[in-house]
C-alpha atoms as a PDB file:
ATOM      1  CA  MET A   1     -10.724  -7.476 -29.691  1.00  0.00           C
ATOM      2  CA  SER A   2      -8.084  -5.229 -30.571  1.00  0.00           C
ATOM      3  CA  THR A   3      -5.427  -4.233 -28.381  1.00  0.00           C
ATOM      4  CA  TRP A   4      -6.322  -0.369 -28.550  1.00  0.00           C
ATOM      5  CA  SER A   5     -10.037  -1.696 -27.876  1.00  0.00           C
ATOM      6  CA  ASP A   6      -9.050  -3.531 -25.265  1.00  0.00           C
ATOM      7  CA  MET A   7      -6.658  -0.477 -23.517  1.00  0.00           C
ATOM      8  CA  ALA A   8     -10.179   1.875 -24.252  1.00  0.00           C
ATOM      9  CA  THR A   9     -12.232  -1.019 -22.527  1.00  0.00           C
ATOM     10  CA  ILE A  10      -9.745  -1.006 -19.461  1.00  0.00           C
ATOM     11  CA  VAL A  11      -9.589   2.772 -18.805  1.00  0.00           C
ATOM     12  CA  GLY A  12     -13.432   3.671 -19.686  1.00  0.00           C
ATOM     13  CA  SER A  13     -15.156   0.903 -17.762  1.00  0.00           C
ATOM     14  CA  THR A  14     -12.488   0.932 -14.497  1.00  0.00           C
ATOM     15  CA  LEU A  15     -13.496   4.783 -14.194  1.00  0.00           C
ATOM     16  CA  ALA A  16     -16.846   4.296 -15.010  1.00  0.00           C
ATOM     17  CA  GLY A  17     -16.993   1.357 -12.321  1.00  0.00           C
ATOM     18  CA  ASP A  18     -18.910  -0.748 -14.931  1.00  0.00           C
ATOM     19  CA  ILE A  19     -16.770  -3.956 -14.428  1.00  0.00           C
ATOM     20  CA  ASN A  20     -18.409  -7.081 -16.048  1.00  0.00           C
ATOM     21  CA  PHE A  21     -17.009 -10.144 -17.789  1.00  0.00           C
ATOM     22  CA  LYS A  22     -16.026  -8.352 -20.880  1.00  0.00           C
ATOM     23  CA  VAL A  23     -13.713  -5.766 -19.122  1.00  0.00           C
ATOM     24  CA  VAL A  24     -12.275  -8.668 -17.012  1.00  0.00           C
ATOM     25  CA  LYS A  25     -11.373 -10.239 -20.523  1.00  0.00           C
ATOM     26  CA  ALA A  26      -9.783  -7.069 -21.584  1.00  0.00           C
ATOM     27  CA  TYR A  27      -7.714  -7.289 -18.174  1.00  0.00           C
ATOM     28  CA  ARG A  28      -6.460 -10.587 -19.060  1.00  0.00           C
ATOM     29  CA  SER A  29      -5.260  -9.541 -22.627  1.00  0.00           C
ATOM     30  CA  ASP A  30      -1.997  -7.966 -23.635  1.00  0.00           C
ATOM     31  CA  ALA A  31      -3.511  -4.312 -23.468  1.00  0.00           C
ATOM     32  CA  ALA A  32      -3.520  -4.684 -19.897  1.00  0.00           C
ATOM     33  CA  TRP A  33       0.505  -4.069 -20.010  1.00  0.00           C
ATOM     34  CA  PHE A  34       0.120  -1.157 -21.874  1.00  0.00           C
ATOM     35  CA  VAL A  35      -2.326   0.420 -19.500  1.00  0.00           C
ATOM     36  CA  PHE A  36      -0.706  -0.378 -16.094  1.00  0.00           C
ATOM     37  CA  GLY A  37       3.366   0.141 -17.487  1.00  0.00           C
ATOM     38  CA  PRO A  38       2.542   3.656 -17.987  1.00  0.00           C
ATOM     39  CA  LEU A  39       0.463   3.919 -15.310  1.00  0.00           C
ATOM     40  CA  THR A  40       2.777   2.500 -12.795  1.00  0.00           C
ATOM     41  CA  LEU A  41       5.329   4.851 -13.706  1.00  0.00           C
ATOM     42  CA  ILE A  42       2.859   7.878 -13.921  1.00  0.00           C
ATOM     43  CA  GLY A  43       1.991   6.759 -10.466  1.00  0.00           C
ATOM     44  CA  ALA A  44       5.178   6.478  -9.165  1.00  0.00           C
ATOM     45  CA  ILE A  45       5.957  10.244 -10.337  1.00  0.00           C
ATOM     46  CA  VAL A  46       2.859  11.534  -8.465  1.00  0.00           C
ATOM     47  CA  PHE A  47       3.614  10.043  -5.309  1.00  0.00           C
ATOM     48  CA  TYR A  48       7.023  11.255  -5.875  1.00  0.00           C
ATOM     49  CA  TYR A  49       5.564  14.740  -5.623  1.00  0.00           C
ATOM     50  CA  ARG A  50       3.314  13.983  -3.120  1.00  0.00           C
ATOM     51  CA  GLU A  51       6.197  13.288  -0.722  1.00  0.00           C
ATOM     52  CA  ARG A  52       7.770  16.820  -1.952  1.00  0.00           C
ATOM     53  CA  LEU A  53       4.615  18.203  -0.842  1.00  0.00           C
ATOM     54  CA  ALA A  54       4.506  16.313   2.701  1.00  0.00           C
ATOM     55  CA  GLU A  55       8.297  17.562   3.179  1.00  0.00           C
ATOM     56  CA  GLY A  56       7.090  21.012   2.442  1.00  0.00           C
ATOM     57  CA  ILE A  57       4.406  20.946   4.760  1.00  0.00           C
ATOM     58  CA  GLU A  58       6.673  19.129   7.353  1.00  0.00           C
ATOM     59  CA  ALA A  59       8.875  22.632   6.888  1.00  0.00           C
ATOM     60  CA  ARG A  60       6.341  24.838   7.434  1.00  0.00           C
ATOM     61  CA  LEU A  61       4.975  23.068  10.389  1.00  0.00           C
ATOM     62  CA  GLY A  62       8.419  22.586  12.000  1.00  0.00           C
ATOM     63  CA  ARG A  63       7.490  19.124  12.880  1.00  0.00           C
ATOM     64  CA  PRO A  64       6.160  15.848  11.362  1.00  0.00           C
ATOM     65  CA  THR A  65       2.790  15.545   9.892  1.00  0.00           C
ATOM     66  CA  THR A  66       2.488  12.206  11.660  1.00  0.00           C
ATOM     67  CA  SER A  67       2.360  14.627  14.723  1.00  0.00           C
ATOM     68  CA  ILE A  68      -1.185  15.518  13.693  1.00  0.00           C
ATOM     69  CA  THR A  69      -2.459  12.820  11.468  1.00  0.00           C
ATOM     70  CA  HIS A  70      -1.552   9.760  14.147  1.00  0.00           C
ATOM     71  CA  PRO A  71      -3.944  11.087  16.727  1.00  0.00           C
ATOM     72  CA  ILE A  72      -6.536  10.991  14.027  1.00  0.00           C
ATOM     73  CA  ILE A  73      -5.497   7.421  12.708  1.00  0.00           C
ATOM     74  CA  ALA A  74      -5.743   6.314  16.290  1.00  0.00           C
ATOM     75  CA  ILE A  75      -9.110   7.290  17.231  1.00  0.00           C
ATOM     76  CA  CYS A  76     -10.618   6.479  13.914  1.00  0.00           C
ATOM     77  CA  LEU A  77      -9.358   3.256  13.984  1.00  0.00           C
ATOM     78  CA  THR A  78     -10.189   2.413  17.524  1.00  0.00           C
ATOM     79  CA  LEU A  79     -13.735   3.324  16.916  1.00  0.00           C
ATOM     80  CA  ALA A  80     -13.951   0.953  13.806  1.00  0.00           C
ATOM     81  CA  LEU A  81     -12.659  -1.837  16.082  1.00  0.00           C
ATOM     82  CA  LEU A  82     -15.200  -1.005  18.908  1.00  0.00           C
ATOM     83  CA  ALA A  83     -18.054  -0.842  16.406  1.00  0.00           C
ATOM     84  CA  ALA A  84     -16.480  -4.216  14.602  1.00  0.00           C
ATOM     85  CA  PHE A  85     -16.876  -5.984  17.905  1.00  0.00           C
ATOM     86  CA  LEU A  86     -19.631  -4.162  19.857  1.00  0.00           C
ATOM     87  CA  PRO A  87     -23.173  -4.219  17.805  1.00  0.00           C
ATOM     88  CA  PRO A  88     -24.386  -1.586  19.895  1.00  0.00           C
ATOM     89  CA  ILE A  89     -21.827   0.856  18.961  1.00  0.00           C
ATOM     90  CA  ALA A  90     -22.286  -0.211  15.320  1.00  0.00           C
ATOM     91  CA  GLU A  91     -25.757   0.645  15.486  1.00  0.00           C
ATOM     92  CA  PHE A  92     -24.922   3.826  16.846  1.00  0.00           C
ATOM     93  CA  PHE A  93     -22.445   4.580  14.326  1.00  0.00           C
ATOM     94  CA  LYS A  94     -24.860   3.882  11.374  1.00  0.00           C
ATOM     95  CA  ALA A  95     -27.449   6.070  12.622  1.00  0.00           C
ATOM     96  CA  ALA A  96     -25.421   8.720  13.334  1.00  0.00           C
ATOM     97  CA  THR A  97     -23.854   8.630   9.806  1.00  0.00           C
ATOM     98  CA  GLY A  98     -26.755   7.172   7.901  1.00  0.00           C
ATOM     99  CA  ASP A  99     -24.805   3.752   7.226  1.00  0.00           C
ATOM    100  CA  ASN A 100     -21.946   5.422   6.283  1.00  0.00           C
ATOM    101  CA  HIS A 101     -19.666   4.984   9.203  1.00  0.00           C
ATOM    102  CA  ARG A 102     -17.447   2.376   7.909  1.00  0.00           C
ATOM    103  CA  PHE A 103     -16.533   4.181   4.687  1.00  0.00           C
ATOM    104  CA  ILE A 104     -15.559   7.573   7.089  1.00  0.00           C
ATOM    105  CA  LEU A 105     -13.824   5.788   9.632  1.00  0.00           C
ATOM    106  CA  ILE A 106     -11.733   4.084   7.047  1.00  0.00           C
ATOM    107  CA  ALA A 107     -11.497   7.236   4.326  1.00  0.00           C
ATOM    108  CA  ILE A 108     -10.314   9.570   7.103  1.00  0.00           C
ATOM    109  CA  PRO A 109      -7.051   7.564   8.177  1.00  0.00           C
ATOM    110  CA  ILE A 110      -6.557   6.800   4.208  1.00  0.00           C
ATOM    111  CA  ILE A 111      -6.937  10.788   3.686  1.00  0.00           C
ATOM    112  CA  ALA A 112      -4.593  11.491   6.682  1.00  0.00           C
ATOM    113  CA  ILE A 113      -1.912   9.314   5.561  1.00  0.00           C
ATOM    114  CA  LEU A 114      -1.399  11.236   2.561  1.00  0.00           C
ATOM    115  CA  PHE A 115       0.414  14.185   4.283  1.00  0.00           C
ATOM    116  CA  GLU A 116       2.912  11.901   5.639  1.00  0.00           C
ATOM    117  CA  ARG A 117       6.260  11.909   4.350  1.00  0.00           C
ATOM    118  CA  THR A 118       6.420   7.803   4.280  1.00  0.00           C
ATOM    119  CA  PRO A 119       2.859   6.466   4.579  1.00  0.00           C
ATOM    120  CA  GLU A 120       4.120   2.788   4.298  1.00  0.00           C
ATOM    121  CA  ARG A 121       5.658   3.093   7.531  1.00  0.00           C
ATOM    122  CA  THR A 122       2.184   4.071   9.255  1.00  0.00           C
ATOM    123  CA  ILE A 123       0.365   1.616   7.268  1.00  0.00           C
ATOM    124  CA  VAL A 124       2.608  -1.063   8.699  1.00  0.00           C
ATOM    125  CA  VAL A 125       2.206  -0.058  12.677  1.00  0.00           C
ATOM    126  CA  TYR A 126      -1.570   0.364  12.190  1.00  0.00           C
ATOM    127  CA  THR A 127      -1.978  -2.612  10.551  1.00  0.00           C
ATOM    128  CA  TYR A 128       0.278  -4.948  13.070  1.00  0.00           C
ATOM    129  CA  ILE A 129      -1.726  -3.180  15.741  1.00  0.00           C
ATOM    130  CA  ILE A 130      -5.014  -3.541  14.088  1.00  0.00           C
ATOM    131  CA  MET A 131      -4.115  -7.465  13.348  1.00  0.00           C
ATOM    132  CA  ALA A 132      -2.819  -7.942  16.604  1.00  0.00           C
ATOM    133  CA  ALA A 133      -5.744  -6.414  18.351  1.00  0.00           C
ATOM    134  CA  ILE A 134      -8.295  -8.681  16.365  1.00  0.00           C
ATOM    135  CA  ILE A 135      -6.186 -11.741  17.188  1.00  0.00           C
ATOM    136  CA  PHE A 136      -5.907 -11.235  21.227  1.00  0.00           C
ATOM    137  CA  ILE A 137      -9.698 -10.081  21.175  1.00  0.00           C
ATOM    138  CA  GLY A 138     -10.497 -13.390  19.111  1.00  0.00           C
ATOM    139  CA  VAL A 139      -8.523 -15.331  21.659  1.00  0.00           C
ATOM    140  CA  ILE A 140     -10.359 -13.930  24.490  1.00  0.00           C
ATOM    141  CA  GLN A 141     -13.588 -14.439  23.112  1.00  0.00           C
ATOM    142  CA  ARG A 142     -13.560 -18.462  22.136  1.00  0.00           C
ATOM    143  CA  PHE A 143     -11.285 -19.419  25.521  1.00  0.00           C
ATOM    144  CA  VAL A 144     -12.972 -16.823  28.170  1.00  0.00           C
ATOM    145  CA  PHE A 145     -16.686 -16.391  26.658  1.00  0.00           C
ATOM    146  CA  SER A 146     -16.837 -19.293  24.276  1.00  0.00           C
ATOM    147  CA  VAL A 147     -18.034 -17.025  21.269  1.00  0.00           C
ATOM    148  CA  GLN A 148     -15.849 -15.975  18.374  1.00  0.00           C
ATOM    149  CA  VAL A 149     -16.559 -13.545  15.633  1.00  0.00           C
ATOM    150  CA  PRO A 150     -16.101 -15.526  12.251  1.00  0.00           C
ATOM    151  CA  TRP A 151     -13.989 -12.720  10.598  1.00  0.00           C
ATOM    152  CA  SER A 152     -11.537 -13.173  13.446  1.00  0.00           C
ATOM    153  CA  THR A 153      -9.273 -15.757  11.656  1.00  0.00           C
ATOM    154  CA  THR A 154      -9.584 -14.512   7.776  1.00  0.00           C
ATOM    155  CA  ILE A 155      -9.433 -10.685   7.810  1.00  0.00           C
ATOM    156  CA  PRO A 156      -5.956 -10.979  10.029  1.00  0.00           C
ATOM    157  CA  PRO A 157      -4.198 -12.981   6.922  1.00  0.00           C
ATOM    158  CA  LEU A 158      -5.289 -10.090   4.728  1.00  0.00           C
ATOM    159  CA  LEU A 159      -4.080  -7.576   6.930  1.00  0.00           C
ATOM    160  CA  PHE A 160      -0.675  -9.662   7.413  1.00  0.00           C
ATOM    161  CA  MET A 161      -0.508  -9.266   3.425  1.00  0.00           C
ATOM    162  CA  VAL A 162      -0.733  -5.515   3.448  1.00  0.00           C
ATOM    163  CA  MET A 163       1.704  -4.978   6.061  1.00  0.00           C
ATOM    164  CA  ALA A 164       4.408  -7.311   4.725  1.00  0.00           C
ATOM    165  CA  TRP A 165       4.354  -5.256   1.277  1.00  0.00           C
ATOM    166  CA  TYR A 166       4.200  -2.201   2.594  1.00  0.00           C
ATOM    167  CA  GLY A 167       7.297  -2.948   5.038  1.00  0.00           C
ATOM    168  CA  ALA A 168       9.010  -4.092   2.172  1.00  0.00           C
ATOM    169  CA  THR A 169       8.596  -0.840   0.096  1.00  0.00           C
ATOM    170  CA  LEU A 170       9.695   0.874   3.215  1.00  0.00           C
ATOM    171  CA  ASN A 171      13.046  -1.193   3.345  1.00  0.00           C
ATOM    172  CA  ILE A 172      13.604  -0.656  -0.200  1.00  0.00           C
ATOM    173  CA  ARG A 173      13.849   3.214   0.258  1.00  0.00           C
ATOM    174  CA  LEU A 174      15.807   2.352   3.516  1.00  0.00           C
ATOM    175  CA  ARG A 175      17.997  -0.292   1.244  1.00  0.00           C
ATOM    176  CA  THR A 176      18.159  -2.578   4.107  1.00  0.00           C
ATOM    177  CA  HIS A 177      15.837  -5.004   1.410  1.00  0.00           C
ATOM    178  CA  LEU A 178      18.256  -7.303  -0.891  1.00  0.00           C
ATOM    179  CA  SER A 179      20.701  -4.795  -0.754  1.00  0.00           C
ATOM    180  CA  PHE A 180      24.064  -6.866  -0.548  1.00  0.00           C
ATOM    181  CA  THR A 181      26.152  -4.424   0.887  1.00  0.00           C
ATOM    182  CA  GLU A 182      28.965  -6.551   2.046  1.00  0.00           C
ATOM    183  CA  PHE A 183      29.869  -7.329  -1.334  1.00  0.00           C
ATOM    184  CA  ARG A 184      29.253  -4.102  -3.252  1.00  0.00           C
ATOM    185  CA  SER A 185      31.175  -2.053  -0.647  1.00  0.00           C
ATOM    186  CA  ARG A 186      34.430  -3.409  -2.256  1.00  0.00           C
ATOM    187  CA  MET A 187      33.788  -2.194  -5.522  1.00  0.00           C
ATOM    188  CA  GLY A 188      34.689   1.081  -7.149  1.00  0.00           C
ATOM    189  CA  ARG A 189      32.486   3.789  -7.329  1.00  0.00           C
ATOM    190  CA  SER A 190      31.326   3.252 -10.937  1.00  0.00           C
ATOM    191  CA  GLY A 191      30.626  -0.546  -9.903  1.00  0.00           C
ATOM    192  CA  GLN A 192      28.394   0.709  -7.231  1.00  0.00           C
ATOM    193  CA  LEU A 193      26.266   3.165  -9.253  1.00  0.00           C
ATOM    194  CA  PHE A 194      25.875   0.409 -12.052  1.00  0.00           C
ATOM    195  CA  TRP A 195      24.564  -2.244  -9.574  1.00  0.00           C
ATOM    196  CA  LEU A 196      22.900   0.395  -7.365  1.00  0.00           C
ATOM    197  CA  THR A 197      21.170   1.723 -10.713  1.00  0.00           C
ATOM    198  CA  PHE A 198      20.462  -2.353 -11.938  1.00  0.00           C
ATOM    199  CA  ASP A 199      18.627  -2.991  -8.855  1.00  0.00           C
ATOM    200  CA  ASN A 200      16.307   0.046  -9.094  1.00  0.00           C
ATOM    201  CA  VAL A 201      15.777  -0.681 -12.503  1.00  0.00           C
ATOM    202  CA  LEU A 202      14.903  -4.219 -11.956  1.00  0.00           C
ATOM    203  CA  TRP A 203      12.413  -2.767  -8.701  1.00  0.00           C
ATOM    204  CA  LEU A 204      11.026  -1.031 -11.470  1.00  0.00           C
ATOM    205  CA  ILE A 205       9.957  -3.405 -13.889  1.00  0.00           C
ATOM    206  CA  PHE A 206       8.939  -5.982 -11.156  1.00  0.00           C
ATOM    207  CA  CYS A 207       6.407  -3.206 -10.129  1.00  0.00           C
ATOM    208  CA  VAL A 208       5.080  -3.040 -13.482  1.00  0.00           C
ATOM    209  CA  ILE A 209       4.657  -6.884 -13.236  1.00  0.00           C
ATOM    210  CA  VAL A 210       3.070  -7.167 -10.219  1.00  0.00           C
ATOM    211  CA  VAL A 211       0.863  -3.608 -10.817  1.00  0.00           C
ATOM    212  CA  THR A 212      -0.773  -5.535 -13.846  1.00  0.00           C
ATOM    213  CA  THR A 213      -1.325  -8.678 -12.335  1.00  0.00           C
ATOM    214  CA  THR A 214      -2.839  -7.961  -9.204  1.00  0.00           C
ATOM    215  CA  ALA A 215      -4.823  -5.470 -10.912  1.00  0.00           C
ATOM    216  CA  ARG A 216      -6.276  -8.392 -12.989  1.00  0.00           C
ATOM    217  CA  VAL A 217      -6.796 -10.346  -9.712  1.00  0.00           C
ATOM    218  CA  THR A 218      -8.583  -7.547  -8.332  1.00  0.00           C
ATOM    219  CA  VAL A 219     -10.958  -6.756 -10.912  1.00  0.00           C
ATOM    220  CA  ASN A 220     -11.758 -10.441 -10.787  1.00  0.00           C
ATOM    221  CA  ALA A 221     -12.459 -10.575  -7.204  1.00  0.00           C
ATOM    222  CA  TYR A 222     -14.897  -7.292  -8.207  1.00  0.00           C
ATOM    223  CA  ASP A 223     -16.680  -9.228 -11.051  1.00  0.00           C
ATOM    224  CA  ASN A 224     -17.218 -12.153  -9.138  1.00  0.00           C
ATOM    225  CA  PHE A 225     -18.234 -10.304  -5.645  1.00  0.00           C
ATOM    226  CA  ALA A 226     -15.670 -12.519  -3.788  1.00  0.00           C
ATOM    227  CA  ILE A 227     -16.726 -11.504   0.139  1.00  0.00           C
ATOM    228  CA  VAL A 228     -14.210 -12.352   2.825  1.00  0.00           C
ATOM    229  CA  LEU A 229     -14.960 -15.604   4.674  1.00  0.00           C
ATOM    230  CA  GLY A 230     -16.774 -15.284   7.533  1.00  0.00           C
ATOM    231  CA  THR A 231     -18.501 -11.680   6.779  1.00  0.00           C
ATOM    232  CA  ASP A 232     -21.666 -10.825   5.129  1.00  0.00           C
ATOM    233  CA  ASP A 233     -20.650  -7.402   2.887  1.00  0.00           C
ATOM    234  CA  ILE A 234     -16.899  -6.779   3.459  1.00  0.00           C
ATOM    235  CA  MET A 235     -15.517  -7.301  -0.182  1.00  0.00           C
ATOM    236  CA  ARG A 236     -11.962  -9.085  -0.814  1.00  0.00           C
ATOM    237  CA  TRP A 237     -11.204  -6.777  -3.508  1.00  0.00           C
ATOM    238  CA  TRP A 238     -10.707  -3.828  -0.886  1.00  0.00           C
ATOM    239  CA  PHE A 239      -7.637  -5.238   0.374  1.00  0.00           C
ATOM    240  CA  LEU A 240      -6.240  -6.526  -2.909  1.00  0.00           C
ATOM    241  CA  VAL A 241      -6.535  -3.220  -4.481  1.00  0.00           C
ATOM    242  CA  THR A 242      -4.038  -2.200  -1.716  1.00  0.00           C
ATOM    243  CA  MET A 243      -1.373  -4.156  -3.545  1.00  0.00           C
ATOM    244  CA  PRO A 244      -1.319  -2.496  -7.114  1.00  0.00           C
ATOM    245  CA  LEU A 245      -0.901   0.853  -5.057  1.00  0.00           C
ATOM    246  CA  CYS A 246       1.699  -0.548  -3.075  1.00  0.00           C
ATOM    247  CA  PHE A 247       4.241  -1.383  -5.863  1.00  0.00           C
ATOM    248  CA  ILE A 248       3.304   1.984  -7.498  1.00  0.00           C
ATOM    249  CA  LEU A 249       4.519   3.433  -4.092  1.00  0.00           C
ATOM    250  CA  LEU A 250       7.428   0.978  -4.434  1.00  0.00           C
ATOM    251  CA  ALA A 251       8.030   2.420  -7.979  1.00  0.00           C
ATOM    252  CA  THR A 252       8.404   5.855  -6.519  1.00  0.00           C
ATOM    253  CA  ARG A 253      10.633   4.547  -4.046  1.00  0.00           C
ATOM    254  CA  ALA A 254      13.245   2.877  -6.705  1.00  0.00           C
ATOM    255  CA  ILE A 255      13.270   6.557  -8.381  1.00  0.00           C
ATOM    256  CA  GLU A 256      14.058   8.224  -5.379  1.00  0.00           C
ATOM    257  CA  ASN A 257      17.036   5.524  -4.939  1.00  0.00           C
ATOM    258  CA  ILE A 258      18.174   6.376  -8.324  1.00  0.00           C
ATOM    259  CA  LEU A 259      18.698  10.068  -7.999  1.00  0.00           C
ATOM    260  CA  GLU A 260      19.796   9.952  -4.751  1.00  0.00           C
ATOM    261  CA  ASP A 261      22.529   7.671  -6.038  1.00  0.00           C
ATOM    262  CA  LEU A 262      23.238   9.973  -9.017  1.00  0.00           C
ATOM    263  CA  ARG A 263      23.597  12.716  -6.675  1.00  0.00           C
ATOM    264  CA  LYS A 264      25.907  11.161  -4.245  1.00  0.00           C
ATOM    265  CA  PHE A 265      28.180  10.039  -7.414  1.00  0.00           C
ATOM    266  CA  ARG A 266      28.311  13.479  -8.342  1.00  0.00           C
ATOM    267  CA  SER A 267      29.095  14.932  -5.209  1.00  0.00           C
ATOM    268  CA  GLY A 268      31.916  12.653  -4.236  1.00  0.00           C
ATOM    269  CA  GLY A 269      29.792  10.943  -1.170  1.00  0.00           C
ATOM    270  CA  PRO A 270      30.130   7.691   0.006  1.00  0.00           C
ATOM    271  CA  MET A 271      27.797   5.631  -2.532  1.00  0.00           C
ATOM    272  CA  ILE A 272      26.844   2.802   0.087  1.00  0.00           C
ATOM    273  CA  GLU A 273      26.013   3.747   3.830  1.00  0.00           C
ATOM    274  CA  GLN A 274      25.323   1.405   6.763  1.00  0.00           C
ATOM    275  CA  ALA A 275      21.388   0.761   6.497  1.00  0.00           C
ATOM    276  CA  VAL A 276      19.273   0.215   9.603  1.00  0.00           C
ATOM    277  CA  ILE A 277      15.814  -1.518   9.514  1.00  0.00           C
ATOM    278  CA  GLY A 278      13.230   1.119  10.576  1.00  0.00           C
ATOM    279  CA  GLY A 279      15.508   3.978  10.128  1.00  0.00           C
ATOM    280  CA  ASP A 280      14.970   7.431   9.186  1.00  0.00           C
ATOM    281  CA  THR A 281      14.582   7.843   5.102  1.00  0.00           C
END
């Protein structure tokens, strides 16, 4: 198949949700680079303006949007955990939502974080809490009640993967990840601008590579109906698909850093400042 044909197959079949072996082969071809390279940059621009929208909402509210979204997210995820460990609650939610409780309890937090300025901070916090809760409950079940849900040892590693990469994305924006500030702070302003821009261009290239390769892994898991071990109907691609999205967001952070560095260079402000892990962006 030609590159153009493979590109059309990737885009058309993915949007239609019609994934088969032919589509997987198209993802493995060089056409995937021509699809996901531009998609990474376009997605980064979309995420950039999403953040500007979130900033505008915060300005109108006069307070962070997290003051509204976090209670909603906490309630939904608490209910999801209760349903996961307590079958009677799961059955109640199934009856009340027409067996759509899992989608509803997860979709609402996802929609909520789209209105936050730094969604990766929320993702890191709540994936850590859920991961810790699953492990804690699993230990109590095993050593106190001599029972254990089989997925309590397989889902936490997947959550850790999500937490680690979104945490790296946040720290790239905070400039606490591979920043080499001690070395570069001794350079002149032009040298600092060059190396800071060089860093972020490398991050953009890295994002294109990761988005393309993880998209291949995700679609392969989808085509093979890969299920998380210890579960009956939790698909592995639900977790894997967060990786392309994560690195599109990382590309956004790299673009934001480039724009911020150019503003500092033109205004005469300090190019490199002391960064704090977990600080404000």
